[in-house]
Protein backbone atom coordinates (compact mmCIF):
# COMPACT_ATOMS: atom_id res chain seq x y z
CA UNK A 1 -0.21 0.10 -0.28
CA UNK A 2 1.42 3.78 -1.02
CA UNK A 3 2.32 5.66 1.94
CA UNK A 4 2.41 9.06 0.38
CA UNK A 5 3.65 11.08 3.01
CA UNK A 6 6.88 8.92 3.18
CA UNK A 7 7.13 9.16 -0.82
CA UNK A 8 6.72 12.45 -1.20
CA UNK A 9 9.91 12.93 0.48
CA UNK A 10 12.04 11.00 -2.58
CA UNK A 11 10.55 13.81 -5.09
CA UNK A 12 12.65 17.56 -3.67
CA UNK A 13 10.41 19.74 -5.99
CA UNK A 14 6.80 18.76 -3.31
CA UNK A 15 8.94 20.72 -0.18
CA UNK A 16 8.92 24.05 -2.58
CA UNK A 17 6.06 26.84 -1.78
CA UNK A 18 4.43 28.94 -5.08
CA UNK A 19 3.18 32.16 -3.54
CA UNK A 20 3.56 31.78 0.37
CA UNK A 21 1.84 28.48 0.00
CA UNK A 22 2.76 24.65 -0.28
CA UNK A 23 2.81 23.48 -3.69
CA UNK A 24 0.30 21.19 -4.55
CA UNK A 25 0.94 19.71 -7.79
CA UNK A 26 -1.67 18.28 -9.80
CA UNK A 27 -0.80 18.51 -13.25
CA UNK A 28 0.80 15.15 -13.36
CA UNK A 29 -1.16 14.36 -16.97
CA UNK A 30 1.21 17.29 -18.07
CA UNK A 31 4.81 15.70 -16.45
CA UNK A 32 5.69 14.35 -13.23
CA UNK A 33 8.56 15.11 -10.68
CA UNK A 34 11.50 13.22 -10.51
CA UNK A 35 12.62 11.43 -7.67
CA UNK A 36 15.95 11.97 -5.86
CA UNK A 37 17.30 8.65 -7.50
CA UNK A 38 16.14 10.34 -10.81
CA UNK A 39 18.35 13.34 -10.42
CA UNK A 40 21.27 11.21 -8.34
CA UNK A 41 21.20 8.99 -11.62
CA UNK A 42 21.96 12.73 -14.27
CA UNK A 43 24.13 14.10 -11.64
CA UNK A 44 26.73 10.77 -11.19
CA UNK A 45 26.87 10.58 -14.90
CA UNK A 46 27.40 13.68 -15.76
CA UNK A 47 30.65 13.97 -13.59
CA UNK A 48 31.52 10.38 -13.68
CA UNK A 49 30.42 8.68 -16.95
CA UNK A 50 30.05 11.52 -19.85
CA UNK A 51 31.04 9.62 -23.47
CA UNK A 52 29.53 9.06 -26.66
CA UNK A 53 28.37 5.95 -26.67
CA UNK A 54 28.62 3.09 -29.34
CA UNK A 55 31.68 4.76 -31.41
CA UNK A 56 35.08 4.94 -28.80
CA UNK A 57 37.00 1.82 -27.14
CA UNK A 58 37.74 3.85 -24.10
CA UNK A 59 36.36 2.66 -20.81
CA UNK A 60 33.94 5.39 -19.75
CA UNK A 61 32.22 5.28 -23.69
CA UNK A 62 32.09 1.57 -22.99
CA UNK A 63 30.76 1.84 -18.79
CA UNK A 64 28.22 4.36 -20.52
CA UNK A 65 27.34 2.30 -23.30
CA UNK A 66 26.59 -0.88 -21.15
CA UNK A 67 24.60 1.69 -19.05
CA UNK A 68 22.20 3.20 -21.79
CA UNK A 69 21.56 -0.62 -23.28
CA UNK A 70 20.77 -1.75 -19.77
CA UNK A 71 18.02 1.02 -19.59
CA UNK A 72 16.96 -1.02 -22.81
CA UNK A 73 16.64 -4.10 -21.27
CA UNK A 74 14.63 -2.55 -18.12
CA UNK A 75 12.20 -0.64 -20.68
CA UNK A 76 11.83 -3.93 -22.42
CA UNK A 77 11.07 -6.02 -18.97
CA UNK A 78 8.94 -2.47 -18.06
CA UNK A 79 6.56 -3.19 -21.40
CA UNK A 80 7.15 -7.20 -21.60
CA UNK A 81 8.22 -6.74 -24.80
CA UNK A 82 9.98 -9.93 -25.93
CA UNK A 83 13.51 -8.44 -27.13
CA UNK A 84 15.49 -5.38 -27.07
CA UNK A 85 15.61 -5.05 -30.82
CA UNK A 86 12.02 -3.85 -30.66
CA UNK A 87 13.28 -1.25 -28.12
CA UNK A 88 13.97 2.57 -30.16
CA UNK A 89 14.79 5.16 -27.75
CA UNK A 90 12.86 8.65 -29.31
CA UNK A 91 12.28 11.57 -27.76
CA UNK A 92 9.04 11.59 -26.53
CA UNK A 93 5.35 10.27 -27.38
CA UNK A 94 5.36 12.58 -29.88
CA UNK A 95 8.53 11.83 -31.42
CA UNK A 96 7.80 8.01 -31.74
CA UNK A 97 4.20 8.56 -32.99
CA UNK A 98 6.20 10.97 -36.07
CA UNK A 99 8.98 8.32 -36.48
CA UNK A 100 5.83 5.84 -37.55
CA UNK A 101 3.74 7.95 -39.26
CA UNK A 102 6.61 9.16 -42.02
CA UNK A 103 8.12 5.89 -42.05
CA UNK A 104 5.51 3.35 -42.00
CA UNK A 105 3.99 6.22 -43.52
CA UNK A 106 6.70 6.06 -46.90
CA UNK A 107 6.93 2.16 -46.78
CA UNK A 108 2.94 1.57 -46.65
CA UNK A 109 0.51 4.54 -47.10
CA UNK A 110 -0.36 5.75 -51.29
CA UNK A 111 -2.98 7.51 -52.22
CA UNK A 112 -6.12 6.76 -51.65
CA UNK A 113 -5.36 4.33 -48.89
CA UNK A 114 -7.00 5.05 -45.49
CA UNK A 115 -5.90 5.93 -41.63
CA UNK A 116 -7.86 5.37 -38.44
CA UNK A 117 -7.71 7.00 -35.11
CA UNK A 118 -10.05 8.35 -32.46
CA UNK A 119 -11.53 12.11 -31.92
CA UNK A 120 -10.58 11.72 -28.00
CA UNK A 121 -6.65 11.61 -29.48
CA UNK A 122 -3.96 14.17 -28.77
CA UNK A 123 -2.74 16.29 -31.26
CA UNK A 124 0.48 14.27 -31.39
CA UNK A 125 -1.76 11.57 -32.36
CA UNK A 126 -3.67 14.08 -34.86
CA UNK A 127 -1.23 16.40 -36.97
CA UNK A 128 1.65 13.42 -37.95
CA UNK A 129 -1.03 11.39 -39.52
CA UNK A 130 -2.35 14.09 -40.98
CA UNK A 131 0.95 14.89 -42.54
CA UNK A 132 1.15 11.53 -43.84
CA UNK A 133 -2.63 11.95 -45.82
CA UNK A 134 -1.06 15.55 -46.96
CA UNK A 135 1.83 13.71 -48.48
CA UNK A 136 0.71 10.72 -49.93
CA UNK A 137 -2.89 11.38 -50.64
CA UNK A 138 -4.89 9.23 -47.85
CA UNK A 139 -7.99 9.79 -46.06
CA UNK A 140 -8.46 10.47 -42.02
CA UNK A 141 -10.93 8.38 -40.70
CA UNK A 142 -12.29 9.07 -37.25
CA UNK A 143 -13.84 6.88 -34.48
CA UNK A 144 -16.26 9.00 -32.41
CA UNK A 145 -16.75 9.07 -28.76
CA UNK A 146 -20.51 9.76 -26.65
CA UNK A 147 -20.86 12.46 -24.06
CA UNK A 148 -19.83 9.93 -21.93
CA UNK A 149 -16.18 10.17 -23.32
CA UNK A 150 -16.65 6.24 -23.44
CA UNK A 151 -15.38 5.65 -27.50
CA UNK A 152 -18.23 4.08 -30.02
CA UNK A 153 -16.28 1.18 -31.38
CA UNK A 154 -19.04 -0.89 -32.28
CA UNK A 155 -19.02 1.43 -35.50
CA UNK A 156 -15.02 0.84 -36.49
CA UNK A 157 -16.17 -2.36 -38.46
CA UNK A 158 -17.98 0.37 -40.53
CA UNK A 159 -14.67 2.95 -41.00
CA UNK A 160 -12.78 -0.22 -41.66
CA UNK A 161 -12.13 -1.01 -45.05
CA UNK A 162 -9.63 -2.80 -47.77
CA UNK A 163 -8.13 0.53 -47.95
CA UNK A 164 -7.34 0.73 -44.17
CA UNK A 165 -3.90 1.01 -43.28
CA UNK A 166 -3.37 1.54 -40.20
CA UNK A 167 -5.57 2.53 -37.00
CA UNK A 168 -4.18 4.89 -33.86
CA UNK A 169 -5.53 5.27 -30.95
CA UNK A 170 -4.61 6.52 -27.31
CA UNK A 171 -4.55 4.27 -24.94
CA UNK A 172 -6.20 6.47 -22.29
CA UNK A 173 -7.52 10.19 -22.87
CA UNK A 174 -5.58 12.78 -21.99
CA UNK A 175 -8.40 15.09 -20.82
CA UNK A 176 -11.19 12.61 -20.15
CA UNK A 177 -9.09 9.72 -18.50
CA UNK A 178 -11.22 7.48 -20.09
CA UNK A 179 -8.94 3.71 -20.80
CA UNK A 180 -9.89 2.19 -24.14
CA UNK A 181 -10.51 -0.55 -24.98
CA UNK A 182 -7.48 -1.59 -27.15
CA UNK A 183 -6.84 -5.16 -26.29
CA UNK A 184 -10.31 -5.13 -28.14
CA UNK A 185 -9.83 -2.67 -31.35
CA UNK A 186 -6.58 -4.40 -32.06
CA UNK A 187 -7.97 -7.98 -32.13
CA UNK A 188 -10.74 -6.67 -34.14
CA UNK A 189 -8.02 -4.46 -36.28
CA UNK A 190 -5.58 -7.76 -37.02
CA UNK A 191 -9.12 -9.79 -37.82
CA UNK A 192 -8.28 -7.56 -41.14
CA UNK A 193 -4.79 -7.59 -41.06
CA UNK A 194 -4.19 -4.49 -40.11
CA UNK A 195 -1.52 -3.31 -37.40
CA UNK A 196 -1.99 -0.96 -34.86
CA UNK A 197 -0.19 1.98 -32.87
CA UNK A 198 -1.01 2.62 -29.07
CA UNK A 199 -0.21 5.75 -28.12
CA UNK A 200 0.74 5.16 -24.37
CA UNK A 201 1.81 8.38 -22.99
CA UNK A 202 -1.57 8.35 -20.42
CA UNK A 203 -1.53 5.05 -19.14
CA UNK A 204 2.34 3.98 -19.01
CA UNK A 205 2.31 5.96 -15.59
CA UNK A 206 -0.55 4.47 -14.40
CA UNK A 207 -0.93 0.47 -14.99
CA UNK A 208 0.38 -2.39 -16.28
CA UNK A 209 1.29 -2.35 -19.76
CA UNK A 210 1.98 -5.40 -21.56
CA UNK A 211 2.98 -5.40 -25.25
CA UNK A 212 2.71 -9.14 -25.55
CA UNK A 213 -0.86 -9.52 -24.19
CA UNK A 214 -2.45 -6.40 -26.00
CA UNK A 215 -0.29 -7.67 -29.61
CA UNK A 216 -0.23 -4.04 -30.41
CA UNK A 217 2.53 -3.48 -33.51
CA UNK A 218 3.49 -0.13 -31.55
CA UNK A 219 3.44 1.56 -28.08
CA UNK A 220 4.71 5.03 -27.63
CA UNK A 221 5.45 6.34 -24.31
CA UNK A 222 7.47 9.66 -22.46
CA UNK A 223 9.89 9.37 -19.69
CA UNK A 224 8.87 12.76 -18.29
CA UNK A 225 5.12 11.41 -17.18
CA UNK A 226 6.86 8.80 -15.88
CA UNK A 227 8.90 10.58 -13.20
CA UNK A 228 12.07 10.53 -15.77
CA UNK A 229 13.53 13.28 -17.44
CA UNK A 230 12.27 15.81 -20.69
CA UNK A 231 13.55 14.33 -23.76
CA UNK A 232 12.97 10.41 -24.27
CA UNK A 233 10.65 8.40 -25.01
CA UNK A 234 10.29 4.98 -26.62
CA UNK A 235 8.44 3.17 -29.55
CA UNK A 236 8.28 -0.14 -29.17
CA UNK A 237 7.43 -2.01 -32.65
CA UNK A 238 7.18 -5.73 -33.59
CA UNK A 239 10.57 -6.74 -35.39
CA UNK A 240 8.78 -7.35 -38.87
CA UNK A 241 7.27 -3.98 -39.09
CA UNK A 242 10.30 -2.36 -38.00
CA UNK A 243 12.51 -4.16 -40.29
CA UNK A 244 10.23 -3.90 -43.08
CA UNK A 245 10.65 0.48 -42.17
CA UNK A 246 12.70 2.88 -43.87
CA UNK A 247 14.75 4.89 -41.39
CA UNK A 248 13.14 8.03 -40.12
CA UNK A 249 16.36 9.70 -39.78
CA UNK A 250 19.59 9.62 -41.50
CA UNK A 251 23.12 10.08 -39.27
CA UNK A 252 25.64 7.78 -37.32
CA UNK A 253 25.01 5.20 -35.60
CA UNK A 254 21.78 4.17 -37.96
CA UNK A 255 24.20 3.31 -40.68
CA UNK A 256 26.02 -0.46 -41.32
CA UNK A 257 28.82 1.54 -43.93
CA UNK A 258 28.77 4.15 -45.85
CA UNK A 259 29.61 4.95 -49.85
CA UNK A 260 28.61 7.64 -52.39
CA UNK A 261 26.60 4.96 -54.15
CA UNK A 262 24.86 3.32 -51.05
CA UNK A 263 24.37 3.30 -47.48
CA UNK A 264 23.30 0.33 -46.06
CA UNK A 265 21.62 0.27 -42.64
CA UNK A 266 22.41 -0.80 -38.52
CA UNK A 267 20.19 -3.64 -36.73
CA UNK A 268 17.79 -3.06 -35.55
CA UNK A 269 16.66 -0.99 -33.08
CA UNK A 270 19.73 1.69 -34.03
CA UNK A 271 18.33 1.58 -37.43
CA UNK A 272 16.09 4.29 -35.85
CA UNK A 273 18.51 5.50 -33.55
CA UNK A 274 20.29 8.54 -35.53
CA UNK A 275 22.68 10.81 -34.13
CA UNK A 276 24.25 11.09 -30.99
CA UNK A 277 21.17 9.31 -28.58
CA UNK A 278 19.89 11.26 -25.35
CA UNK A 279 21.44 8.53 -23.85
CA UNK A 280 21.98 10.43 -20.01
CA UNK A 281 18.04 10.82 -20.12
CA UNK A 282 18.11 6.86 -21.53
CA UNK A 283 20.15 5.91 -18.77
CA UNK A 284 18.03 8.25 -16.16
CA UNK A 285 14.56 6.30 -17.35
CA UNK A 286 15.68 3.18 -16.73
CA UNK A 287 16.73 4.45 -12.62
CA UNK A 288 12.73 6.17 -12.94
CA UNK A 289 10.77 2.84 -14.17
CA UNK A 290 13.24 0.47 -11.37
CA UNK A 291 11.75 3.09 -8.68
CA UNK A 292 8.28 2.92 -10.09
CA UNK A 293 9.03 -1.08 -9.70
CA UNK A 294 10.12 -1.11 -6.36
CA UNK A 295 7.35 0.88 -5.57
CA UNK A 296 5.28 -1.14 -6.80
CA UNK A 297 3.04 -0.93 -10.19
CA UNK A 298 0.19 -3.20 -8.86
CA UNK A 299 0.21 -0.46 -5.80
CA UNK A 300 0.81 3.12 -7.69
CA UNK A 301 -2.36 1.53 -9.32
CA UNK A 302 -4.54 0.55 -6.52
CA UNK A 303 -3.49 4.41 -5.17
CA UNK A 304 -4.44 6.29 -7.67
CA UNK A 305 -7.48 4.56 -8.28
CA UNK A 306 -8.52 5.83 -4.65
CA UNK A 307 -6.97 9.43 -5.53
CA UNK A 308 -9.70 9.14 -8.28
CA UNK A 309 -12.16 8.13 -6.40
CA UNK A 310 -12.12 10.09 -4.12
CA UNK A 311 -11.21 13.81 -6.57
CA UNK A 312 -14.15 12.45 -8.68
CA UNK A 313 -17.03 13.07 -5.64
CA UNK A 314 -15.80 15.75 -4.03
CA UNK A 315 -15.71 17.56 -7.28
CA UNK A 316 -19.21 16.19 -7.64
CA UNK A 317 -20.35 18.02 -4.66
CA UNK A 318 -19.22 21.87 -5.55
CA UNK A 319 -22.23 23.13 -7.23
CA UNK A 320 -22.10 24.72 -10.90
CA UNK A 321 -18.86 22.16 -11.35
CA UNK A 322 -19.17 20.24 -14.49
CA UNK A 323 -16.56 16.99 -15.03
CA UNK A 324 -15.81 15.97 -18.19
CA UNK A 325 -14.87 12.51 -19.16
CA UNK A 326 -17.54 9.28 -17.07
CA UNK A 327 -16.44 6.90 -18.46
CA UNK A 328 -16.47 3.36 -15.43
CA UNK A 329 -12.52 2.88 -16.39
CA UNK A 330 -10.32 6.07 -16.12
CA UNK A 331 -6.75 6.41 -15.62
CA UNK A 332 -6.43 9.36 -12.53
CA UNK A 333 -7.59 12.73 -14.67
CA UNK A 334 -10.33 15.23 -13.76
CA UNK A 335 -11.43 17.37 -15.99
CA UNK A 336 -13.72 20.31 -15.48
CA UNK A 337 -15.69 23.39 -15.53
CA UNK A 338 -16.57 25.83 -13.07
CA UNK A 339 -20.03 27.59 -13.55
CA UNK A 340 -19.49 30.13 -16.39
CA UNK A 341 -15.75 30.61 -14.74
CA UNK A 342 -13.19 30.82 -17.81
CA UNK A 343 -11.30 28.38 -17.08
CA UNK A 344 -7.75 30.41 -17.07
CA UNK A 345 -9.63 32.19 -14.46
CA UNK A 346 -9.84 29.50 -12.11
CA UNK A 347 -6.07 28.46 -12.85
CA UNK A 348 -4.84 32.08 -12.14
CA UNK A 349 -6.81 31.81 -9.15
CA UNK A 350 -5.88 28.21 -7.51
CA UNK A 351 -2.29 28.74 -9.01
CA UNK A 352 -2.02 32.20 -6.15
CA UNK A 353 -3.02 29.01 -3.62
CA UNK A 354 -0.41 27.03 -4.19
CA UNK A 355 -2.27 24.77 -6.47
CA UNK A 356 -0.79 23.71 -9.97
CA UNK A 357 -3.74 22.94 -12.42
CA UNK A 358 -3.64 22.51 -15.94
CA UNK A 359 -5.74 24.40 -18.29
CA UNK A 360 -6.82 25.39 -21.77
CA UNK A 361 -7.29 23.24 -25.22
CA UNK A 362 -4.81 20.38 -23.49
CA UNK A 363 -3.19 19.49 -27.16
CA UNK A 364 -6.92 18.23 -27.76
CA UNK A 365 -9.16 20.95 -30.05
CA UNK A 366 -11.56 18.13 -31.13
CA UNK A 367 -12.39 16.99 -28.71
CA UNK A 368 -13.35 20.01 -26.87
CA UNK A 369 -15.29 20.57 -29.92
CA UNK A 370 -17.17 17.56 -29.71
CA UNK A 371 -18.99 19.21 -26.21
CA UNK A 372 -18.84 22.57 -28.01
CA UNK A 373 -16.45 24.31 -25.36
CA UNK A 374 -13.22 26.24 -25.77
CA UNK A 375 -11.42 25.03 -22.86
CA UNK A 376 -11.23 22.72 -19.18
CA UNK A 377 -9.56 22.68 -16.11
CA UNK A 378 -7.91 19.73 -15.29
CA UNK A 379 -6.61 18.06 -12.06
CA UNK A 380 -4.24 14.92 -13.06
CA UNK A 381 -2.75 12.90 -10.00
CA UNK A 382 -0.03 10.69 -9.30
CA UNK A 383 1.19 8.67 -6.21
CA UNK A 384 2.74 11.81 -4.28
CA UNK A 385 -0.55 13.22 -3.97
CA UNK A 386 -2.77 13.57 -0.91
CA UNK A 387 -6.35 13.00 -0.08
CA UNK A 388 -5.72 16.58 1.77
CA UNK A 389 -4.88 17.80 -1.28
CA UNK A 390 -7.77 17.51 -3.38
CA UNK A 391 -9.94 18.74 -0.09
CA UNK A 392 -7.69 22.03 -0.48
CA UNK A 393 -8.17 22.35 -4.35
CA UNK A 394 -12.15 21.21 -3.80
CA UNK A 395 -12.26 24.42 -1.08
CA UNK A 396 -10.94 26.66 -3.37
CA UNK A 397 -12.64 25.80 -6.31
CA UNK A 398 -15.78 26.75 -3.80
CA UNK A 399 -14.16 30.17 -2.45
CA UNK A 400 -13.73 30.96 -6.34
CA UNK A 401 -17.36 30.15 -7.70
CA UNK A 402 -18.38 32.75 -4.61
CA UNK A 403 -15.97 35.46 -6.09
CA UNK A 404 -17.86 35.29 -9.58
CA UNK A 405 -21.15 35.05 -7.77
């Protein structure tokens, strides 16, 4: 069981004050805070082991290379991939999706083909495919969701045709919190021999991800949302697909031989890791995963679900507050509007009380259009948050409501 008071001691920033108030950090869906072990890993690497990987024969290079590849194995175990060759380090979820859209799209998508996404996607999983469609003359199709924030996957069969080349959907919505039935979507897609990419940015921090159980073809997530540094992420891809895809970028480390006549490429996963990789933060990602595993992934899930249930109940009791996203299966995210108060006003006033929430479009303008709104306030929780923090959030929301009467 999680003891949030003790957990918080591992995160230096959580003892900070904002505007003279103790920090209450409820913007975890945007980025999570970093435990001391991750900070120490970065510090130690720069002080003792910094050297370019995969290139040098000297001690520092070999030491850093070993740590980098150990981190890759840590990621493999974290998502239960079959091989480390299926784990590509990227700059984050956005980078991972762009890699697939560009490389898979170059190899497999032609004019008149179709790509299916959902109405609740983050912009990263919309714009990347739109760019591909523009380049190739392909068509983007959308799975809608209902007013409770539940995907209408019964409509998927009607969207799939013989021209469908890939389906790309979020595992969990960064706004609604909805956990989508991606295993069912994948099975349905595979019955038509269609590969599936899963955007796991919001699912990886909040649950157990098993890519072999899901049978997804691609899975993308970001380090900075699972207590690791910014600028590092992961693309999992089935080996048979990655082998057929051309490199996303050219440069050092992704090559086998280079002549002016022809270049041959390195084996997976290096084929997709051009140039000097963000090896320091990749190693720190391994440290973050070790910390998560030590804490216990199931412990995290159970505690965050209790936070979600408590926050949903307390927020629902506030007059004039409307929650968007009411699926039965959710990650620890609650998005809402308070009366007719502009979402930015709500967020700015909460900030003065030390409470950090996200406001705005949340990088999901089509989702907001579904509800005919222009922005939301989002409170997103981690296992270092407490029930007392939720109480303070609700007390201040009630005060804000009275201010605008």
